[in-house]
Amino acid sequence: MSNDSVFYRPDIPVEYFTDERCHILELLNTADSTDASIARARVEPGITTKQHQVKGTVERYILLEGKGVVHIAGMDDQKVCIGDVVVIPAGVTQSITNNGDHDLVFLCVCTPRFEWDNYTLLESL
C-alpha cells in the first residue's frame, strides 16, 4: 500500500490583498498538487469583490465567518452565511458582497488548482 500523504503548512502571515478587493491566504496551491487548491479568502465589511471568472476551474466557497450575498451570472443573488457551500462552475462571472459588520471569511477550493493564467478580472482597476 502506497502512502502519498504530504503535509503542508502555509506561511500564515503572508496574506495578500488582490485587485479583486479581497485578502487571500494560499493554504495549498502547488505545482505538485494539480488536482485542487485551497485558499482562505477574507472580504472586509461593505466590500463587493470585483466581477471575475476563472477559465477551466470550478470554485467552491465554504463560508466560515460572516454573511454576504453571492452574485453568479445567470442566477438570482443568494444570501450566504456560516456553513453554506457555493459551487461556481468554470468560466462563470461571479462576485461576493460582505453585507455584515465583520469580515466575511471563506475557503475557496478550486478544481483543478487555481492558476492566475486562468483568471480574468472583468472590472477595471
Protein backbone atom coordinates (compact mmCIF):
# COMPACT_ATOMS: atom_id res chain seq x y z
CA MET A 1 0.00 0.00 0.00
CA SER A 2 1.39 3.40 -1.03
CA ASN A 3 1.38 6.37 1.32
CA ASP A 4 1.02 9.50 -0.81
CA SER A 5 0.31 11.77 2.17
CA VAL A 6 2.02 15.13 2.26
CA PHE A 7 1.74 17.75 4.95
CA TYR A 8 1.51 21.45 4.01
CA ARG A 9 1.83 24.34 6.43
CA PRO A 10 1.07 27.76 4.95
CA ASP A 11 3.10 30.78 5.92
CA ILE A 12 0.23 32.29 7.95
CA PRO A 13 1.48 35.91 7.99
CA VAL A 14 1.57 36.01 4.18
CA GLU A 15 -1.96 37.09 3.37
CA TYR A 16 -2.06 39.32 0.31
CA PHE A 17 -4.61 41.84 -0.99
CA THR A 18 -5.85 41.35 -4.55
CA ASP A 19 -7.06 43.79 -7.21
CA GLU A 20 -10.37 41.98 -6.77
CA ARG A 21 -10.69 43.70 -3.31
CA CYS A 22 -10.20 40.68 -1.07
CA HIS A 23 -7.43 39.25 1.10
CA ILE A 24 -6.10 35.80 0.17
CA LEU A 25 -4.07 33.30 2.15
CA GLU A 26 -2.94 30.36 -0.01
CA LEU A 27 -3.27 27.21 2.09
CA LEU A 28 -2.46 24.76 -0.71
CA ASN A 29 -1.58 25.70 -4.26
CA THR A 30 1.47 23.92 -5.54
CA ALA A 31 2.58 22.52 -8.87
CA ASP A 32 2.75 19.04 -7.36
CA SER A 33 -0.91 19.21 -6.29
CA THR A 34 -2.62 19.91 -9.61
CA ASP A 35 -5.98 18.34 -8.71
CA ALA A 36 -7.05 21.09 -6.29
CA SER A 37 -6.05 24.23 -4.44
CA ILE A 38 -7.34 25.73 -1.20
CA ALA A 39 -7.21 29.38 -0.17
CA ARG A 40 -8.75 31.36 2.65
CA ALA A 41 -10.46 34.50 1.37
CA ARG A 42 -11.37 37.47 3.56
CA VAL A 43 -13.67 40.30 2.44
CA GLU A 44 -14.00 43.38 4.62
CA PRO A 45 -17.42 44.74 5.67
CA GLY A 46 -19.24 46.72 2.98
CA ILE A 47 -16.99 45.46 0.17
CA THR A 48 -18.10 43.73 -3.02
CA THR A 49 -15.34 41.87 -4.85
CA LYS A 50 -14.91 42.81 -8.47
CA GLN A 51 -16.58 40.60 -11.04
CA HIS A 52 -14.27 37.90 -12.31
CA GLN A 53 -14.18 34.43 -13.79
CA VAL A 54 -11.76 31.52 -13.78
CA LYS A 55 -11.46 29.58 -17.03
CA GLY A 56 -11.35 25.80 -16.67
CA THR A 57 -11.64 25.87 -12.86
CA VAL A 58 -14.62 25.08 -10.63
CA GLU A 59 -14.64 27.08 -7.39
CA ARG A 60 -16.32 26.12 -4.14
CA TYR A 61 -16.79 28.71 -1.40
CA ILE A 62 -17.19 27.29 2.10
CA LEU A 63 -18.40 30.05 4.43
CA LEU A 64 -16.57 30.13 7.77
CA GLU A 65 -17.37 33.58 9.22
CA GLY A 66 -19.72 36.44 8.49
CA LYS A 67 -22.52 36.81 5.98
CA GLY A 68 -22.91 38.11 2.48
CA VAL A 69 -24.54 37.91 -0.92
CA VAL A 70 -23.05 35.90 -3.77
CA HIS A 71 -23.56 37.10 -7.35
CA ILE A 72 -23.26 34.43 -10.04
CA ALA A 73 -24.11 35.16 -13.67
CA GLY A 74 -27.39 33.57 -14.75
CA MET A 75 -28.68 33.14 -11.18
CA ASP A 76 -30.53 35.28 -8.69
CA ASP A 77 -28.31 36.74 -5.99
CA GLN A 78 -28.14 34.45 -2.96
CA LYS A 79 -27.64 35.35 0.70
CA VAL A 80 -24.91 33.25 2.30
CA CYS A 81 -23.80 32.65 5.87
CA ILE A 82 -21.65 30.34 8.00
CA GLY A 83 -21.81 26.73 6.83
CA ASP A 84 -23.06 27.47 3.31
CA VAL A 85 -21.24 26.00 0.32
CA VAL A 86 -21.39 27.78 -3.04
CA VAL A 87 -20.34 25.94 -6.22
CA ILE A 88 -19.30 28.20 -9.09
CA PRO A 89 -18.89 26.49 -12.46
CA ALA A 90 -15.76 27.10 -14.52
CA GLY A 91 -15.77 30.31 -16.55
CA VAL A 92 -18.86 31.82 -14.90
CA THR A 93 -18.85 35.50 -13.88
CA GLN A 94 -19.02 35.98 -10.12
CA SER A 95 -18.52 38.28 -7.15
CA ILE A 96 -19.43 38.34 -3.46
CA THR A 97 -20.58 41.15 -1.15
CA ASN A 98 -19.93 41.34 2.57
CA ASN A 99 -23.13 42.87 3.91
CA GLY A 100 -22.26 42.23 7.56
CA ASP A 101 -20.44 44.16 10.27
CA HIS A 102 -17.43 41.81 10.43
CA ASP A 103 -15.09 40.19 7.92
CA LEU A 104 -16.60 37.59 5.59
CA VAL A 105 -14.22 34.61 5.61
CA PHE A 106 -14.47 31.54 3.41
CA LEU A 107 -12.38 28.76 1.99
CA CYS A 108 -12.10 28.66 -1.77
CA VAL A 109 -11.50 25.13 -3.04
CA CYS A 110 -10.62 25.06 -6.73
CA THR A 111 -10.53 22.07 -9.06
CA PRO A 112 -8.22 21.79 -10.81
CA ARG A 113 -5.87 24.05 -8.83
CA PHE A 114 -6.19 27.82 -9.21
CA GLU A 115 -3.73 29.39 -11.62
CA TRP A 116 -3.54 33.13 -12.31
CA ASP A 117 -3.26 32.45 -16.07
CA ASN A 118 -6.91 31.23 -15.97
CA TYR A 119 -8.19 34.25 -14.02
CA THR A 120 -9.94 37.19 -15.71
CA LEU A 121 -10.87 40.35 -13.83
CA LEU A 122 -13.96 41.79 -15.57
CA GLU A 123 -13.98 45.24 -13.95
CA SER A 124 -11.34 47.90 -14.38
CA LEU A 125 -8.88 48.51 -11.56
